[in-house]
Amino acid sequence: MDQKQKILVCGDVKGNFKQLFGRVESINKKSGPFEMLLCVGDFFGDNNDELIAFKNGNKVIPVPTYILGPNEANACPEYENLNEGEICSNLTYLGKRGLYTISSGIKIAYLSGIEAEKSDWSFDTEDVKAVRNSCFINKTSMGEYRGIDILLTSQWPFGVDDKKADKDESQAAASSKLLSWLAREIKPRYHFVGINGRYFERLPYRNSTGSNTQLELATRFIGLAAVGNEEKAKYIYALSIAPVDKMRLMDLIQKTTDETPCPYDSINLMKDVVSKSENNSAQFFYDTNSFNDDGDRNSYKKRKGLGADGDRKRQRHVFDQEKCWFCLSSPSVEKHMVISVGDNFYLALAKGPLDENNILISSVTHIQSSSLLAEDDWKELEKFKDALRKCFKAEKKVVTFFERNYKSSHLLINVVAVHEDAEWRIKHSFDDCAEAYNLNLETLPRLSEPTQLPGKGPYFYAELPDNSTLLTRQMKQFPLHFGREVFCSDTLLKCEQKIDWRECTISKEEETALVKRFREKFQPFDFTL
């Protein structure tokens, strides 16, 4: 089976939305379908009125589009009112930094802004280290780092164009040594940039081996011009790419006759930053001893990840792996809530739980929804579900799993159990609640693979104990607490005061006690031990 995905990448849009999306629609009809459009550089311009028609639904963006953040203070207001990263249908703000994995397994690292002191439109040393460490979490089962597929930055790295850009003082000042260091560390197969106003495609360069891999991986660097530029320079690039983790090793390291050495090897890239990052890569992101009350270090797996960066300012909840509440590598995660950790997923007590059996299944690294899972990820998710079914069956309970992929940026599956005598009421309660909100719930067989979920756009689904699945894509003004409201009804848990989790939070001591109690009863069914 052909695992290659078609992806479009464009440079600065600067408010020329009609021209861009018109061009994308033409390319998609002629050479598509394309999986996504990735935008680097300045997406917004001085006049952004052309986007209004797409926001109100009069026009449709032809391909799911993902953009980076602002590169100057004047652009920040355009990002202030974003709702969980979604600007409108098929248009999403990725966030300041992170690693985004799509359903095919393509890994996209991204870093918004330009190098400067910390602000909403810039990045600093901590940001590049966070992106680097996010990439290093994702190794193969053999522990060998293979690089990532795509790196997106708006600013150019220093030294990449030694024939022109870095000999020109203005160009050199506008480039970033931090980005040179990041590219050298994570070894992307493609690195796309914008904001320099020109198209430049460098000969592929061969990366040196390092402490995390002995593979000599190659990178293609591509700078893209702005949409509608007077020189008619290339501003959109199409590529067909297979996920790096699914490629044959020989194909991955195969050399070509036009290769060049890595342009960053001869540059002093801040040895103090490099040495600190090397040390951080060997640290565990939390103390695994804290999971097990009897101190058994082997009960929970150690993982490599990120340390706290000291930045505790409140920020928008977007695709930023280090600041996401649910990424286990994030210092924001509440470690005392974690029950069990697998390779790709973990169990945790729900915040503001409906009862002691209200559990969450979440992905260890940043994935937005179940529909984007790779095959191996899906298999582990099913193992957790089966283990929970067996655990609750021992107590004569049945379990329902539901996920809301709407106004959320991290995969999160709610687990709710009720006594088996109440199983017949679950479907009726869903139907009653859907009728109250005028929602249409489609009944499907039990899900067997992620492709059965909508790959594009928001959705809500619930897997019922009778092996049926309820699904709706009718998500405009969807009630955020819909799933909880179903189980809080008088026909099931009779706790309507708990519909909003924020109204029923409990103390850390109570949360810790519930986690300990659930971990003990789940232990006989926990395949991670």
Protein backbone atom coordinates (compact mmCIF):
# COMPACT_ATOMS: atom_id res chain seq x y z
CA MET A 1 0.00 0.00 0.00
CA ASP A 2 1.27 3.47 -0.89
CA GLN A 3 1.90 5.28 2.38
CA LYS A 4 2.88 8.58 0.81
CA GLN A 5 0.87 11.68 1.67
CA LYS A 6 0.46 14.74 -0.55
CA ILE A 7 1.08 17.98 1.31
CA LEU A 8 1.18 21.63 0.21
CA VAL A 9 3.35 24.29 1.85
CA CYS A 10 3.14 28.02 1.14
CA GLY A 11 5.06 31.14 2.14
CA ASP A 12 3.79 34.48 3.46
CA VAL A 13 0.11 34.99 2.69
CA LYS A 14 -0.12 38.57 4.04
CA GLY A 15 -3.90 38.70 3.73
CA ASN A 16 -4.07 37.43 0.11
CA PHE A 17 -6.50 34.69 1.06
CA LYS A 18 -8.57 34.62 -2.13
CA GLN A 19 -5.51 34.22 -4.32
CA LEU A 20 -4.02 31.53 -2.09
CA PHE A 21 -7.12 29.39 -1.67
CA GLY A 22 -8.06 29.80 -5.31
CA ARG A 23 -4.64 28.50 -6.30
CA VAL A 24 -4.87 25.66 -3.78
CA GLU A 25 -8.28 24.64 -5.10
CA SER A 26 -6.90 24.50 -8.64
CA ILE A 27 -3.88 22.43 -7.59
CA ASN A 28 -6.04 20.11 -5.51
CA LYS A 29 -8.39 19.39 -8.43
CA LYS A 30 -5.54 18.84 -10.86
CA SER A 31 -3.03 16.92 -8.72
CA GLY A 32 -4.76 16.08 -5.45
CA PRO A 33 -6.26 15.24 -3.16
CA PHE A 34 -3.82 16.88 -0.74
CA GLU A 35 -3.83 16.00 2.94
CA MET A 36 -3.17 19.54 4.18
CA LEU A 37 -1.76 22.99 3.49
CA LEU A 38 0.98 24.27 5.82
CA CYS A 39 1.73 28.01 5.93
CA VAL A 40 5.00 29.61 7.05
CA GLY A 41 5.76 33.31 7.41
CA ASP A 42 3.21 36.11 7.83
CA PHE A 43 -0.28 34.69 7.32
CA PHE A 44 -2.14 37.91 8.19
CA GLY A 45 -1.46 41.25 6.53
CA ASP A 46 -2.46 44.90 6.84
CA ASN A 47 -5.93 44.09 5.47
CA ASN A 48 -7.54 40.74 6.28
CA ASP A 49 -11.08 41.41 5.06
CA GLU A 50 -10.83 38.62 2.48
CA LEU A 51 -10.98 36.09 5.31
CA ILE A 52 -14.46 37.22 6.39
CA ALA A 53 -16.18 35.25 3.64
CA PHE A 54 -14.42 32.08 4.78
CA LYS A 55 -15.21 32.73 8.43
CA ASN A 56 -18.94 33.18 7.81
CA GLY A 57 -19.15 30.14 5.55
CA ASN A 58 -19.85 31.90 2.27
CA LYS A 59 -16.59 30.48 0.93
CA VAL A 60 -14.89 27.21 1.76
CA ILE A 61 -11.18 26.60 2.31
CA PRO A 62 -10.49 23.64 -0.01
CA VAL A 63 -7.80 21.87 2.07
CA PRO A 64 -7.29 21.73 5.86
CA THR A 65 -4.86 24.58 6.50
CA TYR A 66 -2.46 25.04 9.43
CA ILE A 67 -0.64 28.29 10.16
CA LEU A 68 2.15 29.54 12.42
CA GLY A 69 1.92 32.42 14.88
CA PRO A 70 2.85 36.12 14.55
CA ASN A 71 6.33 37.37 13.67
CA GLU A 72 5.87 40.95 14.93
CA ALA A 73 3.90 42.75 17.61
CA ASN A 74 1.48 44.32 15.11
CA ALA A 75 0.19 40.88 14.08
CA CYS A 76 -0.59 39.67 17.60
CA PRO A 77 -4.17 41.06 17.72
CA GLU A 78 -5.16 38.70 14.89
CA TYR A 79 -4.41 35.76 17.21
CA GLU A 80 -5.97 37.08 20.42
CA ASN A 81 -9.47 35.68 20.02
CA LEU A 82 -8.66 32.25 18.58
CA ASN A 83 -10.81 29.50 20.06
CA GLU A 84 -8.62 26.49 20.86
CA GLY A 85 -6.56 27.16 17.74
CA GLU A 86 -9.45 27.04 15.26
CA ILE A 87 -9.95 30.22 13.24
CA CYS A 88 -12.74 28.85 11.05
CA SER A 89 -13.58 25.61 9.26
CA ASN A 90 -10.41 24.09 7.75
CA LEU A 91 -8.18 26.82 9.17
CA THR A 92 -6.19 26.14 12.36
CA TYR A 93 -3.48 27.99 14.27
CA LEU A 94 -0.88 25.39 15.27
CA GLY A 95 0.42 27.37 18.23
CA LYS A 96 3.76 28.78 19.29
CA ARG A 97 5.74 25.55 19.17
CA GLY A 98 5.34 21.79 19.23
CA LEU A 99 5.29 18.50 17.36
CA TYR A 100 2.12 17.67 15.41
CA THR A 101 1.54 14.10 14.17
CA ILE A 102 -1.16 13.49 11.57
CA SER A 103 -3.11 10.26 11.08
CA SER A 104 -0.67 8.83 8.52
CA GLY A 105 2.21 9.21 10.96
CA ILE A 106 3.79 12.29 9.33
CA LYS A 107 5.57 14.26 12.08
CA ILE A 108 5.62 18.05 11.78
CA ALA A 109 7.74 20.12 14.17
CA TYR A 110 7.00 23.84 14.24
CA LEU A 111 8.22 27.03 15.88
CA SER A 112 6.45 30.36 15.41
CA GLY A 113 7.94 33.85 15.48
CA ILE A 114 11.49 35.18 15.27
CA GLU A 115 14.45 34.94 17.64
CA ALA A 116 14.22 37.66 20.30
CA GLU A 117 13.51 38.14 23.99
CA LYS A 118 10.44 36.19 25.11
CA SER A 119 7.17 37.65 23.77
CA ASP A 120 4.01 36.55 22.00
CA TRP A 121 5.71 36.94 18.63
CA SER A 122 9.21 35.59 19.34
CA PHE A 123 11.07 32.51 20.52
CA ASP A 124 14.13 32.00 22.71
CA THR A 125 16.50 29.27 23.83
CA GLU A 126 13.89 27.50 25.95
CA ASP A 127 11.52 27.29 23.00
CA VAL A 128 14.00 25.61 20.65
CA LYS A 129 15.02 23.21 23.40
CA ALA A 130 11.37 22.31 24.01
CA VAL A 131 10.78 21.54 20.32
CA ARG A 132 13.99 19.52 20.15
CA ASN A 133 13.03 17.44 23.20
CA SER A 134 9.50 16.89 21.89
CA CYS A 135 10.98 15.35 18.76
CA PHE A 136 13.37 13.13 20.72
CA ILE A 137 10.50 11.59 22.68
CA ASN A 138 9.41 9.97 19.41
CA LYS A 139 11.93 7.21 18.75
CA THR A 140 11.44 3.89 17.04
CA SER A 141 10.83 0.72 19.05
CA MET A 142 14.57 -0.01 18.71
CA GLY A 143 15.43 3.32 20.34
CA GLU A 144 16.95 4.81 17.19
CA TYR A 145 16.03 8.38 16.32
CA ARG A 146 15.11 8.70 12.62
CA GLY A 147 14.51 12.43 12.47
CA ILE A 148 11.16 14.05 11.76
CA ASP A 149 9.42 14.63 8.45
CA ILE A 150 8.87 18.40 8.32
CA LEU A 151 10.13 21.43 10.24
CA LEU A 152 8.18 24.68 9.88
CA THR A 153 9.71 28.02 10.90
CA SER A 154 9.01 31.50 9.63
CA GLN A 155 12.54 32.78 10.21
CA TRP A 156 15.55 31.44 8.30
CA PRO A 157 18.37 29.60 10.09
CA PHE A 158 21.81 31.20 10.03
CA GLY A 159 24.28 29.71 7.55
CA VAL A 160 21.88 27.85 5.28
CA ASP A 161 22.60 30.03 2.23
CA ASP A 162 26.30 30.77 2.41
CA LYS A 163 26.38 32.05 -1.17
CA LYS A 164 24.07 35.00 -0.56
CA ALA A 165 21.98 35.44 2.54
CA ASP A 166 24.61 35.11 5.23
CA LYS A 167 27.16 37.30 3.42
CA ASP A 168 24.57 40.07 3.23
CA GLU A 169 24.54 41.79 6.63
CA SER A 170 20.80 42.48 6.55
CA GLN A 171 20.03 38.88 5.66
CA ALA A 172 22.43 37.56 8.29
CA ALA A 173 20.89 39.75 10.98
CA ALA A 174 17.45 38.45 10.07
CA SER A 175 18.49 34.79 10.44
CA SER A 176 18.71 32.74 13.62
CA LYS A 177 21.52 30.60 15.03
CA LEU A 178 19.01 29.00 17.39
CA LEU A 179 17.15 27.66 14.36
CA SER A 180 20.43 26.40 12.89
CA TRP A 181 21.01 24.49 16.13
CA LEU A 182 17.44 23.14 16.16
CA ALA A 183 17.63 21.95 12.53
CA ARG A 184 20.98 20.27 13.17
CA GLU A 185 19.61 18.54 16.25
CA ILE A 186 16.25 17.20 15.01
CA LYS A 187 17.36 16.52 11.40
CA PRO A 188 14.12 17.18 9.48
CA ARG A 189 13.70 15.70 6.02
CA TYR A 190 12.20 19.03 4.91
CA HIS A 191 12.67 22.47 6.45
CA PHE A 192 10.34 25.21 5.15
CA VAL A 193 10.70 28.93 5.95
CA GLY A 194 9.19 32.27 4.89
CA ILE A 195 9.41 36.05 5.63
CA ASN A 196 12.59 36.67 3.56
CA GLY A 197 10.48 37.40 0.50
CA ARG A 198 12.27 35.04 -1.87
CA TYR A 199 12.21 31.49 -3.13
CA PHE A 200 15.31 29.46 -2.42
CA GLU A 201 15.75 25.70 -2.62
CA ARG A 202 19.10 24.51 -1.42
CA LEU A 203 20.82 21.30 -2.53
CA PRO A 204 20.05 18.58 0.03
CA TYR A 205 22.56 18.40 2.86
CA ARG A 206 23.67 15.38 4.87
CA ASN A 207 23.43 15.69 8.65
CA SER A 208 26.19 14.43 10.88
CA THR A 209 25.50 11.62 13.33
CA GLY A 210 24.98 12.46 16.98
CA SER A 211 24.36 11.03 20.42
CA ASN A 212 20.76 10.14 19.57
CA THR A 213 21.31 8.50 16.19
CA GLN A 214 24.04 6.96 14.12
CA LEU A 215 22.01 7.44 10.94
CA GLU A 216 23.28 10.01 8.45
CA LEU A 217 19.99 11.68 7.61
CA ALA A 218 19.47 14.21 4.81
CA THR A 219 17.56 17.50 4.84
CA ARG A 220 16.02 19.56 2.04
CA PHE A 221 15.78 23.27 2.89
CA ILE A 222 13.17 25.37 1.06
CA GLY A 223 12.46 29.08 1.47
CA LEU A 224 9.18 30.24 -0.07
CA ALA A 225 8.23 33.62 -1.48
CA ALA A 226 5.07 35.56 -0.58
CA VAL A 227 1.69 34.97 -2.20
CA GLY A 228 1.18 37.46 -5.04
CA ASN A 229 4.80 38.63 -5.16
CA GLU A 230 5.66 40.87 -8.13
CA GLU A 231 8.61 38.70 -9.19
CA LYS A 232 6.22 35.74 -9.56
CA ALA A 233 8.65 33.69 -7.47
CA LYS A 234 7.46 30.32 -6.22
CA TYR A 235 5.29 30.64 -3.12
CA ILE A 236 3.67 27.21 -2.97
CA TYR A 237 5.40 23.85 -2.85
CA ALA A 238 3.89 20.38 -3.27
CA LEU A 239 5.48 17.26 -1.89
CA SER A 240 4.61 13.58 -1.63
CA ILE A 241 6.10 12.06 1.48
CA ALA A 242 5.92 8.81 3.44
CA PRO A 243 6.22 8.93 7.26
CA VAL A 244 9.84 8.64 8.33
CA ASP A 245 8.99 5.86 10.81
CA LYS A 246 7.47 3.73 8.02
CA MET A 247 10.29 4.08 5.50
CA ARG A 248 12.82 1.38 4.77
CA LEU A 249 16.12 2.22 6.39
CA MET A 250 17.99 1.92 3.08
CA ASP A 251 15.65 4.46 1.47
CA LEU A 252 16.06 6.82 4.40
CA ILE A 253 19.85 6.98 4.30
CA GLN A 254 20.34 6.62 0.53
CA LYS A 255 22.71 9.28 -0.78
CA THR A 256 22.45 11.34 -3.98
CA THR A 257 25.16 12.85 -6.17
CA ASP A 258 24.14 16.46 -5.51
CA GLU A 259 24.39 16.36 -1.71
CA THR A 260 26.34 18.90 0.33
CA PRO A 261 27.69 18.81 3.89
CA CYS A 262 25.56 20.17 6.72
CA PRO A 263 25.86 23.99 6.57
CA TYR A 264 25.67 24.32 10.35
CA ASP A 265 28.57 22.08 11.35
CA SER A 266 31.17 24.84 10.99
CA ILE A 267 29.20 27.47 12.94
CA ASN A 268 29.53 28.17 16.66
CA LEU A 269 25.97 27.39 17.76
CA MET A 270 26.11 28.44 21.40
CA LYS A 271 27.90 25.62 23.17
CA ASP A 272 26.21 26.43 26.45
CA VAL A 273 22.77 25.80 24.89
CA VAL A 274 23.91 22.55 23.31
CA SER A 275 25.43 21.21 26.52
CA LYS A 276 22.34 22.05 28.58
CA SER A 277 20.08 20.39 26.03
CA GLU A 278 22.21 17.25 25.97
CA ASN A 279 21.82 17.00 29.74
CA ASN A 280 18.07 17.59 29.58
CA SER A 281 17.54 14.83 27.03
CA ALA A 282 18.63 12.24 29.59
CA GLN A 283 16.23 13.37 32.31
CA PHE A 284 12.88 11.76 33.04
CA PHE A 285 9.99 14.15 32.91
CA TYR A 286 8.59 12.98 36.23
CA ASP A 287 9.58 10.76 39.12
CA THR A 288 8.27 7.29 38.32
CA ASN A 289 8.55 6.32 41.99
CA SER A 290 5.66 8.66 42.76
CA PHE A 291 3.26 6.37 40.91
CA ASN A 292 3.72 3.33 43.11
CA ASP A 293 2.94 3.45 46.79
CA ASP A 294 5.21 0.51 47.61
CA GLY A 295 8.17 2.06 45.80
CA ASP A 296 8.45 -0.59 43.06
CA ARG A 297 10.40 1.26 40.34
CA ASN A 298 9.48 -1.30 37.66
CA SER A 299 5.74 -0.84 38.00
CA TYR A 300 5.73 2.19 35.70
CA LYS A 301 7.89 2.84 32.68
CA LYS A 302 10.49 5.56 32.60
CA ARG A 303 10.32 7.96 29.69
CA LYS A 304 12.54 10.68 28.36
CA GLY A 305 11.06 14.14 28.02
CA LEU A 306 11.01 17.76 28.98
CA GLY A 307 11.91 19.63 32.13
CA ALA A 308 10.12 22.74 33.36
CA ASP A 309 11.16 25.93 31.63
CA GLY A 310 10.08 28.26 34.39
CA ASP A 311 7.52 30.00 32.19
CA ARG A 312 4.32 29.86 34.23
CA LYS A 313 2.47 32.68 32.50
CA ARG A 314 -1.09 31.91 31.48
CA GLN A 315 -1.31 31.30 27.76
CA ARG A 316 -3.88 30.10 25.25
CA HIS A 317 -4.40 26.35 25.23
CA VAL A 318 -3.04 25.59 21.76
CA PHE A 319 -0.74 23.02 20.22
CA ASP A 320 2.18 23.62 22.58
CA GLN A 321 3.32 20.28 23.92
CA GLU A 322 5.20 21.66 26.90
CA LYS A 323 2.29 23.78 28.13
CA CYS A 324 -0.54 21.38 27.24
CA TRP A 325 -2.36 20.19 30.35
CA PHE A 326 -2.39 16.60 29.11
CA CYS A 327 1.01 16.01 27.45
CA LEU A 328 2.98 13.95 29.96
CA SER A 329 6.16 15.79 29.03
CA SER A 330 4.60 19.06 30.15
CA PRO A 331 5.35 20.61 33.54
CA SER A 332 1.65 21.56 33.61
CA VAL A 333 0.48 17.95 33.94
CA GLU A 334 -0.85 16.99 37.39
CA LYS A 335 1.25 13.94 38.14
CA HIS A 336 -0.75 12.85 41.15
CA MET A 337 -3.75 12.20 38.85
CA VAL A 338 -1.95 9.57 36.73
CA ILE A 339 -3.03 5.94 37.24
CA SER A 340 -1.19 3.93 34.58
CA VAL A 341 1.23 4.71 31.72
CA GLY A 342 1.66 2.74 28.51
CA ASP A 343 3.82 3.38 25.46
CA ASN A 344 1.42 5.81 23.79
CA PHE A 345 -1.43 6.35 26.27
CA TYR A 346 -2.01 6.82 29.97
CA LEU A 347 -4.94 6.68 32.39
CA ALA A 348 -5.73 9.49 34.80
CA LEU A 349 -8.50 10.48 37.17
CA ALA A 350 -10.88 12.98 35.56
CA LYS A 351 -10.77 16.51 36.93
CA GLY A 352 -13.99 17.18 38.83
CA PRO A 353 -14.91 13.47 38.55
CA LEU A 354 -18.52 12.31 38.36
CA ASP A 355 -17.59 9.53 40.78
CA GLU A 356 -14.55 7.41 41.67
CA ASN A 357 -14.87 5.52 38.36
CA ASN A 358 -14.66 8.58 36.10
CA ILE A 359 -11.32 8.07 34.31
CA LEU A 360 -9.61 9.70 31.32
CA ILE A 361 -7.59 8.01 28.57
CA SER A 362 -5.11 10.45 27.03
CA SER A 363 -2.20 10.26 24.60
CA VAL A 364 1.27 10.60 26.10
CA THR A 365 2.44 12.97 23.36
CA HIS A 366 0.45 15.60 21.53
CA ILE A 367 -2.27 14.18 19.25
CA GLN A 368 -5.46 16.14 18.76
CA SER A 369 -8.01 13.35 18.33
CA SER A 370 -8.54 9.59 17.92
CA SER A 371 -9.18 10.04 14.21
CA LEU A 372 -5.50 10.98 13.76
CA LEU A 373 -4.04 7.90 15.44
CA ALA A 374 -1.59 5.58 13.72
CA GLU A 375 -2.34 1.86 13.67
CA ASP A 376 0.00 0.99 16.57
CA ASP A 377 -1.43 3.80 18.69
CA TRP A 378 -4.96 2.55 18.04
CA LYS A 379 -4.02 -0.97 19.12
CA GLU A 380 -2.74 0.25 22.48
CA LEU A 381 -5.82 2.42 22.97
CA GLU A 382 -7.98 -0.68 22.46
CA LYS A 383 -5.88 -2.59 25.01
CA PHE A 384 -6.59 0.09 27.62
CA LYS A 385 -10.31 0.00 26.79
CA ASP A 386 -10.44 -3.80 27.07
CA ALA A 387 -8.56 -3.70 30.38
CA LEU A 388 -11.04 -1.17 31.75
CA ARG A 389 -14.00 -3.25 30.56
CA LYS A 390 -12.63 -6.27 32.43
CA CYS A 391 -11.89 -4.20 35.53
CA PHE A 392 -15.44 -2.83 35.73
CA LYS A 393 -17.02 -6.17 34.81
CA ALA A 394 -15.46 -7.59 37.99
CA GLU A 395 -17.63 -5.09 39.87
CA LYS A 396 -20.73 -5.84 37.77
CA LYS A 397 -20.41 -2.52 35.96
CA VAL A 398 -20.44 -1.60 32.28
CA VAL A 399 -18.35 1.15 30.74
CA THR A 400 -18.90 3.88 28.13
CA PHE A 401 -16.12 5.78 26.33
CA PHE A 402 -16.77 9.17 24.75
CA GLU A 403 -14.63 11.79 23.01
CA ARG A 404 -15.38 15.39 22.01
CA ASN A 405 -13.13 16.56 19.20
CA TYR A 406 -14.40 20.13 19.32
CA LYS A 407 -12.83 23.13 21.08
CA SER A 408 -10.13 20.79 22.34
CA SER A 409 -6.51 20.40 21.28
CA HIS A 410 -5.44 17.11 22.93
CA LEU A 411 -6.89 13.62 22.57
CA LEU A 412 -9.04 12.96 25.62
CA ILE A 413 -11.45 10.05 26.08
CA ASN A 414 -13.81 10.07 29.05
CA VAL A 415 -14.51 6.75 30.79
CA VAL A 416 -17.74 6.39 32.79
CA ALA A 417 -19.04 3.21 34.40
CA VAL A 418 -22.54 2.39 35.70
CA HIS A 419 -24.05 -0.74 37.21
CA GLU A 420 -24.89 -3.39 34.63
CA ASP A 421 -28.59 -3.18 35.57
CA ALA A 422 -28.62 0.38 34.17
CA GLU A 423 -27.03 -0.52 30.82
CA TRP A 424 -30.32 -0.26 28.91
CA ARG A 425 -30.77 3.32 30.13
CA ILE A 426 -27.52 4.63 28.59
CA LYS A 427 -28.77 4.76 24.99
CA HIS A 428 -32.07 6.30 26.10
CA SER A 429 -30.24 8.97 28.08
CA PHE A 430 -28.10 9.85 25.06
CA ASP A 431 -31.21 10.06 22.88
CA ASP A 432 -33.05 12.27 25.38
CA CYS A 433 -30.11 14.64 25.74
CA ALA A 434 -29.58 14.79 21.96
CA GLU A 435 -33.24 15.60 21.43
CA ALA A 436 -33.02 18.45 23.95
CA TYR A 437 -30.18 19.99 21.92
CA ASN A 438 -31.64 19.05 18.53
CA LEU A 439 -28.66 16.82 17.73
CA ASN A 440 -28.67 13.90 15.32
CA LEU A 441 -26.76 10.89 16.70
CA GLU A 442 -25.83 8.30 14.09
CA THR A 443 -25.66 4.69 15.35
CA LEU A 444 -22.69 2.69 14.06
CA PRO A 445 -21.02 -0.65 14.90
CA ARG A 446 -18.19 -0.66 17.45
CA LEU A 447 -15.13 1.18 16.10
CA SER A 448 -12.33 -1.05 14.83
CA GLU A 449 -9.92 1.53 13.37
CA PRO A 450 -9.39 5.31 13.45
CA THR A 451 -10.43 5.74 9.81
CA GLN A 452 -14.04 5.08 10.89
CA LEU A 453 -13.99 8.47 12.60
CA PRO A 454 -14.20 11.72 10.60
CA GLY A 455 -10.64 12.49 9.52
CA LYS A 456 -11.41 16.16 8.96
CA GLY A 457 -13.51 18.44 11.11
CA PRO A 458 -14.88 18.11 14.66
CA TYR A 459 -17.02 15.27 16.00
CA PHE A 460 -18.40 13.62 19.14
CA TYR A 461 -18.59 9.87 19.58
CA ALA A 462 -19.56 7.49 22.36
CA GLU A 463 -18.83 3.74 22.48
CA LEU A 464 -21.62 2.04 24.41
CA PRO A 465 -21.43 -1.26 26.34
CA ASP A 466 -23.60 -3.00 23.71
CA ASN A 467 -20.76 -2.57 21.12
CA SER A 468 -22.58 0.20 19.28
CA THR A 469 -21.15 3.66 18.62
CA LEU A 470 -23.03 6.96 18.61
CA LEU A 471 -21.52 9.63 16.35
CA THR A 472 -22.39 13.20 15.41
CA ARG A 473 -20.59 15.75 13.26
CA GLN A 474 -23.24 18.35 14.04
CA MET A 475 -20.86 20.45 16.08
CA LYS A 476 -21.93 24.05 15.60
CA GLN A 477 -22.59 25.39 19.12
CA PHE A 478 -22.22 21.84 20.44
CA PRO A 479 -22.74 21.69 24.25
CA LEU A 480 -19.27 21.17 25.70
CA HIS A 481 -20.53 19.10 28.65
CA PHE A 482 -22.84 16.92 26.55
CA GLY A 483 -21.26 13.59 27.53
CA ARG A 484 -21.22 14.44 31.24
CA GLU A 485 -24.79 15.71 31.09
CA VAL A 486 -25.95 12.34 29.72
CA PHE A 487 -24.56 10.49 32.75
CA CYS A 488 -25.53 13.14 35.29
CA SER A 489 -29.20 12.68 34.40
CA ASP A 490 -31.76 11.20 36.80
CA THR A 491 -31.83 7.99 34.76
CA LEU A 492 -28.15 7.25 35.43
CA LEU A 493 -25.90 8.83 38.09
CA LYS A 494 -28.40 11.43 39.36
CA CYS A 495 -25.86 14.20 39.91
CA GLU A 496 -26.88 17.13 37.73
CA GLN A 497 -24.81 19.46 39.91
CA LYS A 498 -21.70 17.83 38.36
CA ILE A 499 -22.43 18.57 34.70
CA ASP A 500 -19.71 21.24 34.66
CA TRP A 501 -16.51 19.71 36.05
CA ARG A 502 -15.39 23.12 37.33
CA GLU A 503 -18.31 23.14 39.75
CA CYS A 504 -17.28 19.88 41.43
CA THR A 505 -13.51 19.91 41.75
CA ILE A 506 -12.08 18.22 44.84
CA SER A 507 -8.91 18.74 46.86
CA LYS A 508 -5.55 17.31 45.84
CA GLU A 509 -5.68 15.01 48.86
CA GLU A 510 -9.06 13.61 47.74
CA GLU A 511 -7.79 13.21 44.17
CA THR A 512 -4.69 11.36 45.39
CA ALA A 513 -6.82 9.00 47.49
CA LEU A 514 -9.15 8.23 44.55
CA VAL A 515 -6.17 7.57 42.27
CA LYS A 516 -4.62 5.19 44.79
CA ARG A 517 -7.92 3.32 45.20
CA PHE A 518 -8.51 2.98 41.47
CA ARG A 519 -4.89 1.96 40.78
CA GLU A 520 -5.20 -0.88 43.29
CA LYS A 521 -8.33 -2.32 41.73
CA PHE A 522 -7.02 -1.82 38.18
CA GLN A 523 -3.68 -3.50 38.89
CA PRO A 524 -4.82 -7.09 38.04
CA PHE A 525 -5.86 -5.87 34.59
CA ASP A 526 -3.02 -3.42 33.93
CA PHE A 527 -0.98 -4.71 30.98
CA THR A 528 1.68 -1.99 31.48
CA LEU A 529 3.06 -3.58 34.66
